[in-house]
């Protein structure tokens, strides 16, 4: 084949409308892929300081597939596919997929809400319903926890959105509330003094905010008191383990009684209690 024939064939190919559309479609698809990767990296890098590692990955994926989807649509249109037909087919396909995977779609949408709201991060300790643990993974369908007894728990994002969630490591300090009961005969001022001394002597208790003592009421067998102290987040569990021991030892040293439940019995309208007499068992003494 001569050079003239080669150039003629190339010219006919390039002037063919179908070949031209195919070439433009290929260029659009390649450009869309490159632009999607570039844009996802640029935007994710701009948000790097505001997102943790998993949120950074999710943001890149969302941007990449969104941009790529737009260019795929433009490519199909360039190839002669009607946009209305494509939208109709996509609608039917979406309905079919929606019925087949309602849970997955719901989890996907919930994952996007979690990404935007950011109620917790990887490494946080959270409680969802009856489950507590450290967050070790976040994706578009679920979150992964490692419980305190070293179990792996996967919780769907939809359940996370619908359930009350507590992030126990969101703030640098936490308050520990300890319920204390003392006998009715005890002087509350002295009890307060002893409790504050215990908090002051414990190096895990913070001086600011100050310890708090609240009288909660007259219980059946004791004066009920709530004693609250603050600790750094990383010292909270150790404080829980030591505080009760310190208070028990301080109460014993100060002679403060921690009562046990008891009842006083009366008969009818008589206000005097039943007489009680200690009788030695037969054969004793």
C-alpha atoms as a PDB file:
ATOM      1  CA  UNK A   1       0.000   0.000   0.000  1.00  0.00           C
ATOM      2  CA  UNK A   2       1.384   3.379  -1.052  1.00  0.00           C
ATOM      3  CA  UNK A   3       1.695   6.367   1.224  1.00  0.00           C
ATOM      4  CA  UNK A   4      -1.115   8.130  -0.638  1.00  0.00           C
ATOM      5  CA  UNK A   5      -3.464   5.228  -0.038  1.00  0.00           C
ATOM      6  CA  UNK A   6      -2.497   5.158   3.652  1.00  0.00           C
ATOM      7  CA  UNK A   7      -3.181   8.859   4.060  1.00  0.00           C
ATOM      8  CA  UNK A   8      -6.456   8.481   2.197  1.00  0.00           C
ATOM      9  CA  UNK A   9      -7.583   5.637   4.474  1.00  0.00           C
ATOM     10  CA  UNK A  10      -6.587   7.616   7.556  1.00  0.00           C
ATOM     11  CA  UNK A  11      -8.474  10.656   6.276  1.00  0.00           C
ATOM     12  CA  UNK A  12     -11.599   8.585   5.598  1.00  0.00           C
ATOM     13  CA  UNK A  13     -11.372   7.096   9.098  1.00  0.00           C
ATOM     14  CA  UNK A  14     -10.999  10.490  10.776  1.00  0.00           C
ATOM     15  CA  UNK A  15     -13.847  12.020   8.768  1.00  0.00           C
ATOM     16  CA  UNK A  16     -16.168   9.124   9.571  1.00  0.00           C
ATOM     17  CA  UNK A  17     -18.760  10.466  12.082  1.00  0.00           C
ATOM     18  CA  UNK A  18     -18.826   7.195  14.006  1.00  0.00           C
ATOM     19  CA  UNK A  19     -15.043   7.096  14.344  1.00  0.00           C
ATOM     20  CA  UNK A  20     -14.957  10.747  15.346  1.00  0.00           C
ATOM     21  CA  UNK A  21     -17.574  10.178  18.033  1.00  0.00           C
ATOM     22  CA  UNK A  22     -15.706   7.134  19.297  1.00  0.00           C
ATOM     23  CA  UNK A  23     -12.441   9.057  19.454  1.00  0.00           C
ATOM     24  CA  UNK A  24     -14.044  11.951  21.307  1.00  0.00           C
ATOM     25  CA  UNK A  25     -15.719   9.499  23.683  1.00  0.00           C
ATOM     26  CA  UNK A  26     -12.386   7.816  24.412  1.00  0.00           C
ATOM     27  CA  UNK A  27     -10.746  11.175  25.066  1.00  0.00           C
ATOM     28  CA  UNK A  28     -13.621  12.169  27.366  1.00  0.00           C
ATOM     29  CA  UNK A  29     -13.375   8.916  29.310  1.00  0.00           C
ATOM     30  CA  UNK A  30      -9.598   9.153  29.772  1.00  0.00           C
ATOM     31  CA  UNK A  31      -9.807  12.841  30.672  1.00  0.00           C
ATOM     32  CA  UNK A  32     -12.607  12.132  33.137  1.00  0.00           C
ATOM     33  CA  UNK A  33     -10.586   9.402  34.836  1.00  0.00           C
ATOM     34  CA  UNK A  34      -7.517  11.626  35.136  1.00  0.00           C
ATOM     35  CA  UNK A  35      -9.542  14.625  36.317  1.00  0.00           C
ATOM     36  CA  UNK A  36     -11.457  12.510  38.854  1.00  0.00           C
ATOM     37  CA  UNK A  37      -8.228  11.231  40.407  1.00  0.00           C
ATOM     38  CA  UNK A  38      -6.633  14.667  40.402  1.00  0.00           C
ATOM     39  CA  UNK A  39      -9.664  16.447  41.842  1.00  0.00           C
ATOM     40  CA  UNK A  40     -10.226  13.818  44.532  1.00  0.00           C
ATOM     41  CA  UNK A  41      -6.612  14.141  45.680  1.00  0.00           C
ATOM     42  CA  UNK A  42      -6.652  17.948  45.677  1.00  0.00           C
ATOM     43  CA  UNK A  43      -9.917  18.249  47.627  1.00  0.00           C
ATOM     44  CA  UNK A  44      -8.968  15.485  50.072  1.00  0.00           C
ATOM     45  CA  UNK A  45      -5.580  17.129  50.650  1.00  0.00           C
ATOM     46  CA  UNK A  46      -7.288  20.464  51.340  1.00  0.00           C
ATOM     47  CA  UNK A  47      -9.477  18.771  53.969  1.00  0.00           C
ATOM     48  CA  UNK A  48      -6.683  16.610  55.392  1.00  0.00           C
ATOM     49  CA  UNK A  49      -6.401  18.523  58.671  1.00  0.00           C
ATOM     50  CA  UNK A  50     -10.158  18.344  59.282  1.00  0.00           C
ATOM     51  CA  UNK A  51     -10.560  14.633  58.507  1.00  0.00           C
ATOM     52  CA  UNK A  52      -9.121  11.525  60.097  1.00  0.00           C
ATOM     53  CA  UNK A  53      -7.573   8.723  58.048  1.00  0.00           C
ATOM     54  CA  UNK A  54     -10.768   6.822  57.242  1.00  0.00           C
ATOM     55  CA  UNK A  55     -12.791   9.945  56.511  1.00  0.00           C
ATOM     56  CA  UNK A  56      -9.994  11.091  54.213  1.00  0.00           C
ATOM     57  CA  UNK A  57     -10.272   7.860  52.203  1.00  0.00           C
ATOM     58  CA  UNK A  58     -14.072   8.047  52.054  1.00  0.00           C
ATOM     59  CA  UNK A  59     -13.988  11.655  50.860  1.00  0.00           C
ATOM     60  CA  UNK A  60     -11.571  10.744  48.055  1.00  0.00           C
ATOM     61  CA  UNK A  61     -13.768   7.864  46.921  1.00  0.00           C
ATOM     62  CA  UNK A  62     -16.943   9.946  46.888  1.00  0.00           C
ATOM     63  CA  UNK A  63     -15.332  12.735  44.837  1.00  0.00           C
ATOM     64  CA  UNK A  64     -13.637  10.299  42.458  1.00  0.00           C
ATOM     65  CA  UNK A  65     -16.746   8.277  41.615  1.00  0.00           C
ATOM     66  CA  UNK A  66     -18.947  11.371  41.367  1.00  0.00           C
ATOM     67  CA  UNK A  67     -16.676  13.067  38.816  1.00  0.00           C
ATOM     68  CA  UNK A  68     -16.084   9.814  36.938  1.00  0.00           C
ATOM     69  CA  UNK A  69     -19.828   9.174  36.778  1.00  0.00           C
ATOM     70  CA  UNK A  70     -20.413  12.573  35.181  1.00  0.00           C
ATOM     71  CA  UNK A  71     -17.798  11.896  32.496  1.00  0.00           C
ATOM     72  CA  UNK A  72     -19.174   8.404  31.823  1.00  0.00           C
ATOM     73  CA  UNK A  73     -22.580  10.002  31.228  1.00  0.00           C
ATOM     74  CA  UNK A  74     -21.012  12.522  28.836  1.00  0.00           C
ATOM     75  CA  UNK A  75     -19.186   9.688  27.053  1.00  0.00           C
ATOM     76  CA  UNK A  76     -22.372   7.690  26.513  1.00  0.00           C
ATOM     77  CA  UNK A  77     -24.106  10.783  25.204  1.00  0.00           C
ATOM     78  CA  UNK A  78     -21.228  11.366  22.786  1.00  0.00           C
ATOM     79  CA  UNK A  79     -21.673   7.821  21.492  1.00  0.00           C
ATOM     80  CA  UNK A  80     -25.263   8.615  20.603  1.00  0.00           C
ATOM     81  CA  UNK A  81     -27.147   7.272  23.599  1.00  0.00           C
ATOM     82  CA  UNK A  82     -30.169   9.388  24.490  1.00  0.00           C
ATOM     83  CA  UNK A  83     -29.865  10.994  27.907  1.00  0.00           C
ATOM     84  CA  UNK A  84     -33.588  10.540  28.540  1.00  0.00           C
ATOM     85  CA  UNK A  85     -33.353   6.843  27.724  1.00  0.00           C
ATOM     86  CA  UNK A  86     -30.324   6.525  29.962  1.00  0.00           C
ATOM     87  CA  UNK A  87     -32.093   8.282  32.805  1.00  0.00           C
ATOM     88  CA  UNK A  88     -35.138   6.062  32.379  1.00  0.00           C
ATOM     89  CA  UNK A  89     -33.025   2.926  32.332  1.00  0.00           C
ATOM     90  CA  UNK A  90     -31.030   4.184  35.299  1.00  0.00           C
ATOM     91  CA  UNK A  91     -34.265   4.881  37.140  1.00  0.00           C
ATOM     92  CA  UNK A  92     -35.577   1.366  36.537  1.00  0.00           C
ATOM     93  CA  UNK A  93     -32.206  -0.089  37.472  1.00  0.00           C
ATOM     94  CA  UNK A  94     -32.098   2.016  40.630  1.00  0.00           C
ATOM     95  CA  UNK A  95     -35.586   0.889  41.650  1.00  0.00           C
ATOM     96  CA  UNK A  96     -34.670  -2.752  41.087  1.00  0.00           C
ATOM     97  CA  UNK A  97     -31.428  -2.415  43.006  1.00  0.00           C
ATOM     98  CA  UNK A  98     -33.205  -0.444  45.717  1.00  0.00           C
ATOM     99  CA  UNK A  99     -35.694  -3.223  46.359  1.00  0.00           C
ATOM    100  CA  UNK A 100     -32.924  -5.807  46.337  1.00  0.00           C
ATOM    101  CA  UNK A 101     -30.564  -3.905  48.637  1.00  0.00           C
ATOM    102  CA  UNK A 102     -32.563  -1.487  50.762  1.00  0.00           C
ATOM    103  CA  UNK A 103     -30.381  -2.121  53.799  1.00  0.00           C
ATOM    104  CA  UNK A 104     -27.121  -1.511  51.931  1.00  0.00           C
ATOM    105  CA  UNK A 105     -28.400   1.733  50.410  1.00  0.00           C
ATOM    106  CA  UNK A 106     -29.632   2.900  53.812  1.00  0.00           C
ATOM    107  CA  UNK A 107     -26.246   2.098  55.348  1.00  0.00           C
ATOM    108  CA  UNK A 108     -24.509   3.939  52.502  1.00  0.00           C
ATOM    109  CA  UNK A 109     -26.594   7.082  53.016  1.00  0.00           C
ATOM    110  CA  UNK A 110     -26.122   6.845  56.791  1.00  0.00           C
ATOM    111  CA  UNK A 111     -22.373   6.560  56.223  1.00  0.00           C
ATOM    112  CA  UNK A 112     -22.413   9.830  54.297  1.00  0.00           C
ATOM    113  CA  UNK A 113     -24.249  11.523  57.175  1.00  0.00           C
ATOM    114  CA  UNK A 114     -21.691  10.155  59.643  1.00  0.00           C
ATOM    115  CA  UNK A 115     -18.887  11.428  57.422  1.00  0.00           C
ATOM    116  CA  UNK A 116     -20.391  14.911  57.458  1.00  0.00           C
ATOM    117  CA  UNK A 117     -21.331  14.976  61.156  1.00  0.00           C
ATOM    118  CA  UNK A 118     -18.181  13.297  62.516  1.00  0.00           C
ATOM    119  CA  UNK A 119     -19.501  12.286  65.965  1.00  0.00           C
ATOM    120  CA  UNK A 120     -16.401  10.125  66.553  1.00  0.00           C
ATOM    121  CA  UNK A 121     -13.057   9.208  65.036  1.00  0.00           C
ATOM    122  CA  UNK A 122     -10.882   6.142  64.767  1.00  0.00           C
ATOM    123  CA  UNK A 123      -9.392   5.519  68.207  1.00  0.00           C
ATOM    124  CA  UNK A 124     -12.351   6.973  70.132  1.00  0.00           C
ATOM    125  CA  UNK A 125     -14.182   4.870  72.714  1.00  0.00           C
ATOM    126  CA  UNK A 126     -17.935   4.912  72.081  1.00  0.00           C
ATOM    127  CA  UNK A 127     -21.089   3.268  73.395  1.00  0.00           C
ATOM    128  CA  UNK A 128     -23.950   2.318  71.051  1.00  0.00           C
ATOM    129  CA  UNK A 129     -26.865   0.726  72.843  1.00  0.00           C
ATOM    130  CA  UNK A 130     -25.391  -2.020  75.010  1.00  0.00           C
ATOM    131  CA  UNK A 131     -22.104  -2.215  73.084  1.00  0.00           C
ATOM    132  CA  UNK A 132     -18.980  -0.298  74.080  1.00  0.00           C
ATOM    133  CA  UNK A 133     -15.523  -0.364  72.539  1.00  0.00           C
ATOM    134  CA  UNK A 134     -12.765   1.393  70.625  1.00  0.00           C
ATOM    135  CA  UNK A 135     -13.446   2.450  67.036  1.00  0.00           C
ATOM    136  CA  UNK A 136     -10.942   0.663  64.786  1.00  0.00           C
ATOM    137  CA  UNK A 137     -12.595   1.235  61.410  1.00  0.00           C
ATOM    138  CA  UNK A 138     -15.147   3.416  59.622  1.00  0.00           C
ATOM    139  CA  UNK A 139     -16.447   2.851  56.098  1.00  0.00           C
ATOM    140  CA  UNK A 140     -19.532   3.626  54.045  1.00  0.00           C
ATOM    141  CA  UNK A 141     -21.524   0.612  55.272  1.00  0.00           C
ATOM    142  CA  UNK A 142     -20.498   0.047  58.884  1.00  0.00           C
ATOM    143  CA  UNK A 143     -18.188   0.868  61.744  1.00  0.00           C
ATOM    144  CA  UNK A 144     -15.921  -1.621  63.475  1.00  0.00           C
ATOM    145  CA  UNK A 145     -15.328  -1.769  67.220  1.00  0.00           C
ATOM    146  CA  UNK A 146     -12.928  -3.657  69.457  1.00  0.00           C
ATOM    147  CA  UNK A 147     -14.668  -4.245  72.775  1.00  0.00           C
ATOM    148  CA  UNK A 148     -12.902  -4.120  76.126  1.00  0.00           C
ATOM    149  CA  UNK A 149     -12.833  -7.936  76.242  1.00  0.00           C
ATOM    150  CA  UNK A 150     -11.126  -7.951  72.796  1.00  0.00           C
ATOM    151  CA  UNK A 151     -14.082  -8.891  70.603  1.00  0.00           C
ATOM    152  CA  UNK A 152     -14.629  -7.572  67.074  1.00  0.00           C
ATOM    153  CA  UNK A 153     -18.050  -5.968  66.569  1.00  0.00           C
ATOM    154  CA  UNK A 154     -19.439  -4.658  63.275  1.00  0.00           C
ATOM    155  CA  UNK A 155     -22.323  -2.184  63.570  1.00  0.00           C
ATOM    156  CA  UNK A 156     -24.237  -1.063  60.427  1.00  0.00           C
ATOM    157  CA  UNK A 157     -24.256   2.689  59.860  1.00  0.00           C
ATOM    158  CA  UNK A 158     -28.060   2.742  59.809  1.00  0.00           C
ATOM    159  CA  UNK A 159     -28.121   1.427  63.379  1.00  0.00           C
ATOM    160  CA  UNK A 160     -25.538   4.017  64.435  1.00  0.00           C
ATOM    161  CA  UNK A 161     -27.720   6.822  63.055  1.00  0.00           C
ATOM    162  CA  UNK A 162     -30.905   5.514  64.715  1.00  0.00           C
ATOM    163  CA  UNK A 163     -29.400   4.684  68.131  1.00  0.00           C
ATOM    164  CA  UNK A 164     -28.210   7.001  70.877  1.00  0.00           C
ATOM    165  CA  UNK A 165     -24.437   7.211  70.659  1.00  0.00           C
ATOM    166  CA  UNK A 166     -22.063   8.240  73.439  1.00  0.00           C
ATOM    167  CA  UNK A 167     -18.469   9.200  72.661  1.00  0.00           C
ATOM    168  CA  UNK A 168     -16.626   8.662  75.924  1.00  0.00           C
ATOM    169  CA  UNK A 169     -13.286  10.050  74.736  1.00  0.00           C
ATOM    170  CA  UNK A 170     -14.509  13.213  73.006  1.00  0.00           C
ATOM    171  CA  UNK A 171     -13.307  15.563  75.759  1.00  0.00           C
ATOM    172  CA  UNK A 172      -9.965  15.537  77.622  1.00  0.00           C
ATOM    173  CA  UNK A 173     -11.487  15.121  81.117  1.00  0.00           C
ATOM    174  CA  UNK A 174     -14.312  13.013  82.571  1.00  0.00           C
ATOM    175  CA  UNK A 175     -16.333  13.096  85.773  1.00  0.00           C
ATOM    176  CA  UNK A 176     -16.691  10.056  88.005  1.00  0.00           C
ATOM    177  CA  UNK A 177     -19.872   9.922  90.099  1.00  0.00           C
ATOM    178  CA  UNK A 178     -19.741   7.687  93.161  1.00  0.00           C
ATOM    179  CA  UNK A 179     -22.858   6.935  95.215  1.00  0.00           C
ATOM    180  CA  UNK A 180     -22.108   6.862  98.955  1.00  0.00           C
ATOM    181  CA  UNK A 181     -24.429   5.981 101.842  1.00  0.00           C
ATOM    182  CA  UNK A 182     -23.684   6.883 105.484  1.00  0.00           C
ATOM    183  CA  UNK A 183     -25.597   6.149 108.680  1.00  0.00           C
ATOM    184  CA  UNK A 184     -28.204   8.633 109.914  1.00  0.00           C
ATOM    185  CA  UNK A 185     -26.157   9.329 113.029  1.00  0.00           C
ATOM    186  CA  UNK A 186     -23.223  10.706 111.044  1.00  0.00           C
ATOM    187  CA  UNK A 187     -22.407  14.421 110.793  1.00  0.00           C
ATOM    188  CA  UNK A 188     -22.674  15.429 107.134  1.00  0.00           C
ATOM    189  CA  UNK A 189     -20.127  18.204 107.597  1.00  0.00           C
ATOM    190  CA  UNK A 190     -17.592  15.650 108.805  1.00  0.00           C
ATOM    191  CA  UNK A 191     -18.475  13.307 105.933  1.00  0.00           C
ATOM    192  CA  UNK A 192     -17.911  16.148 103.465  1.00  0.00           C
ATOM    193  CA  UNK A 193     -14.551  16.950 105.070  1.00  0.00           C
ATOM    194  CA  UNK A 194     -13.361  13.338 104.849  1.00  0.00           C
ATOM    195  CA  UNK A 195     -14.458  12.932 101.225  1.00  0.00           C
ATOM    196  CA  UNK A 196     -12.731  16.132 100.134  1.00  0.00           C
ATOM    197  CA  UNK A 197      -9.558  15.026 101.909  1.00  0.00           C
ATOM    198  CA  UNK A 198      -9.694  11.729 100.009  1.00  0.00           C
ATOM    199  CA  UNK A 199     -10.006  13.569  96.690  1.00  0.00           C
ATOM    200  CA  UNK A 200      -7.188  15.950  97.595  1.00  0.00           C
ATOM    201  CA  UNK A 201      -4.882  13.054  98.495  1.00  0.00           C
ATOM    202  CA  UNK A 202      -5.553  11.110  95.282  1.00  0.00           C
ATOM    203  CA  UNK A 203      -3.119  12.252  92.542  1.00  0.00           C
ATOM    204  CA  UNK A 204      -5.556  11.166  89.818  1.00  0.00           C
ATOM    205  CA  UNK A 205      -8.246  13.650  90.937  1.00  0.00           C
ATOM    206  CA  UNK A 206      -8.149  17.068  89.318  1.00  0.00           C
ATOM    207  CA  UNK A 207      -8.349  20.183  91.476  1.00  0.00           C
ATOM    208  CA  UNK A 208     -10.158  22.020  88.661  1.00  0.00           C
ATOM    209  CA  UNK A 209     -13.045  21.437  88.245  1.00  0.00           C
ATOM    210  CA  UNK A 210     -13.381  20.998  91.987  1.00  0.00           C
ATOM    211  CA  UNK A 211     -14.862  17.832  93.537  1.00  0.00           C
ATOM    212  CA  UNK A 212     -18.611  18.025  94.063  1.00  0.00           C
ATOM    213  CA  UNK A 213     -20.705  16.603  96.901  1.00  0.00           C
ATOM    214  CA  UNK A 214     -24.500  16.458  96.455  1.00  0.00           C
ATOM    215  CA  UNK A 215     -26.957  15.306  99.130  1.00  0.00           C
ATOM    216  CA  UNK A 216     -29.476  13.162  97.243  1.00  0.00           C
ATOM    217  CA  UNK A 217     -31.968  12.314  99.959  1.00  0.00           C
ATOM    218  CA  UNK A 218     -32.999  10.203 102.917  1.00  0.00           C
ATOM    219  CA  UNK A 219     -32.836   6.577 101.818  1.00  0.00           C
ATOM    220  CA  UNK A 220     -34.363   3.656 103.726  1.00  0.00           C
ATOM    221  CA  UNK A 221     -31.233   2.902 105.696  1.00  0.00           C
ATOM    222  CA  UNK A 222     -28.777   5.693 104.924  1.00  0.00           C
ATOM    223  CA  UNK A 223     -28.169   9.292 104.002  1.00  0.00           C
ATOM    224  CA  UNK A 224     -27.564   9.118 100.243  1.00  0.00           C
ATOM    225  CA  UNK A 225     -24.717  11.232  98.843  1.00  0.00           C
ATOM    226  CA  UNK A 226     -23.252  11.617  95.362  1.00  0.00           C
ATOM    227  CA  UNK A 227     -19.542  12.382  95.371  1.00  0.00           C
ATOM    228  CA  UNK A 228     -18.187  13.539  91.988  1.00  0.00           C
ATOM    229  CA  UNK A 229     -14.546  14.004  91.036  1.00  0.00           C
ATOM    230  CA  UNK A 230     -12.841  14.842  87.747  1.00  0.00           C
ATOM    231  CA  UNK A 231      -9.925  13.042  86.102  1.00  0.00           C
ATOM    232  CA  UNK A 232      -8.017  13.077  82.845  1.00  0.00           C
ATOM    233  CA  UNK A 233      -9.567  10.822  80.248  1.00  0.00           C
ATOM    234  CA  UNK A 234      -6.640   8.401  80.293  1.00  0.00           C
ATOM    235  CA  UNK A 235      -6.788   8.123  84.121  1.00  0.00           C
ATOM    236  CA  UNK A 236     -10.539   7.554  84.408  1.00  0.00           C
ATOM    237  CA  UNK A 237     -10.579   3.763  84.768  1.00  0.00           C
ATOM    238  CA  UNK A 238      -7.716   3.771  87.267  1.00  0.00           C
ATOM    239  CA  UNK A 239      -9.532   6.415  89.315  1.00  0.00           C
ATOM    240  CA  UNK A 240     -12.679   4.266  89.412  1.00  0.00           C
ATOM    241  CA  UNK A 241     -10.665   1.364  90.773  1.00  0.00           C
ATOM    242  CA  UNK A 242      -8.888   3.333  93.509  1.00  0.00           C
ATOM    243  CA  UNK A 243     -11.516   5.828  94.665  1.00  0.00           C
ATOM    244  CA  UNK A 244     -13.841   3.350  96.369  1.00  0.00           C
ATOM    245  CA  UNK A 245     -10.920   1.772  98.239  1.00  0.00           C
ATOM    246  CA  UNK A 246      -9.667   5.176  99.401  1.00  0.00           C
ATOM    247  CA  UNK A 247     -13.115   6.236 100.653  1.00  0.00           C
ATOM    248  CA  UNK A 248     -13.678   2.952 102.526  1.00  0.00           C
ATOM    249  CA  UNK A 249     -10.288   3.252 104.223  1.00  0.00           C
ATOM    250  CA  UNK A 250     -10.910   6.918 105.126  1.00  0.00           C
ATOM    251  CA  UNK A 251     -14.379   6.160 106.544  1.00  0.00           C
ATOM    252  CA  UNK A 252     -12.966   3.337 108.667  1.00  0.00           C
ATOM    253  CA  UNK A 253     -10.221   5.612 109.986  1.00  0.00           C
ATOM    254  CA  UNK A 254     -12.714   8.391 110.810  1.00  0.00           C
ATOM    255  CA  UNK A 255     -15.273   6.009 112.349  1.00  0.00           C
ATOM    256  CA  UNK A 256     -17.938   6.840 109.743  1.00  0.00           C
ATOM    257  CA  UNK A 257     -20.458   4.023 109.397  1.00  0.00           C
ATOM    258  CA  UNK A 258     -21.650   2.707 106.040  1.00  0.00           C
ATOM    259  CA  UNK A 259     -24.969   1.095 107.046  1.00  0.00           C
ATOM    260  CA  UNK A 260     -26.610  -2.057 105.749  1.00  0.00           C
ATOM    261  CA  UNK A 261     -30.361  -2.267 105.015  1.00  0.00           C
ATOM    262  CA  UNK A 262     -32.550  -2.952 108.056  1.00  0.00           C
ATOM    263  CA  UNK A 263     -36.257  -2.899 108.970  1.00  0.00           C
ATOM    264  CA  UNK A 264     -38.212  -2.006 112.120  1.00  0.00           C
ATOM    265  CA  UNK A 265     -41.467  -3.994 112.590  1.00  0.00           C
ATOM    266  CA  UNK A 266     -44.681  -2.672 114.220  1.00  0.00           C
ATOM    267  CA  UNK A 267     -48.012  -4.398 114.927  1.00  0.00           C
ATOM    268  CA  UNK A 268     -51.273  -2.642 114.023  1.00  0.00           C
ATOM    269  CA  UNK A 269     -51.698   0.786 115.605  1.00  0.00           C
ATOM    270  CA  UNK A 270     -49.272   0.046 118.411  1.00  0.00           C
ATOM    271  CA  UNK A 271     -46.291   2.313 118.049  1.00  0.00           C
ATOM    272  CA  UNK A 272     -43.963   0.352 120.264  1.00  0.00           C
ATOM    273  CA  UNK A 273     -41.766  -2.200 118.493  1.00  0.00           C
ATOM    274  CA  UNK A 274     -41.939  -5.904 119.175  1.00  0.00           C
ATOM    275  CA  UNK A 275     -39.949  -6.904 122.261  1.00  0.00           C
ATOM    276  CA  UNK A 276     -36.871  -8.874 121.356  1.00  0.00           C
ATOM    277  CA  UNK A 277     -35.293 -11.347 123.772  1.00  0.00           C
ATOM    278  CA  UNK A 278     -32.122 -13.343 123.237  1.00  0.00           C
ATOM    279  CA  UNK A 279     -32.667 -16.951 124.327  1.00  0.00           C
ATOM    280  CA  UNK A 280     -29.828 -19.401 124.700  1.00  0.00           C
ATOM    281  CA  UNK A 281     -30.275 -22.660 122.762  1.00  0.00           C
ATOM    282  CA  UNK A 282     -31.148 -25.812 124.773  1.00  0.00           C
ATOM    283  CA  UNK A 283     -28.171 -27.368 126.478  1.00  0.00           C
ATOM    284  CA  UNK A 284     -26.086 -24.198 126.291  1.00  0.00           C
ATOM    285  CA  UNK A 285     -24.194 -23.104 129.401  1.00  0.00           C
END
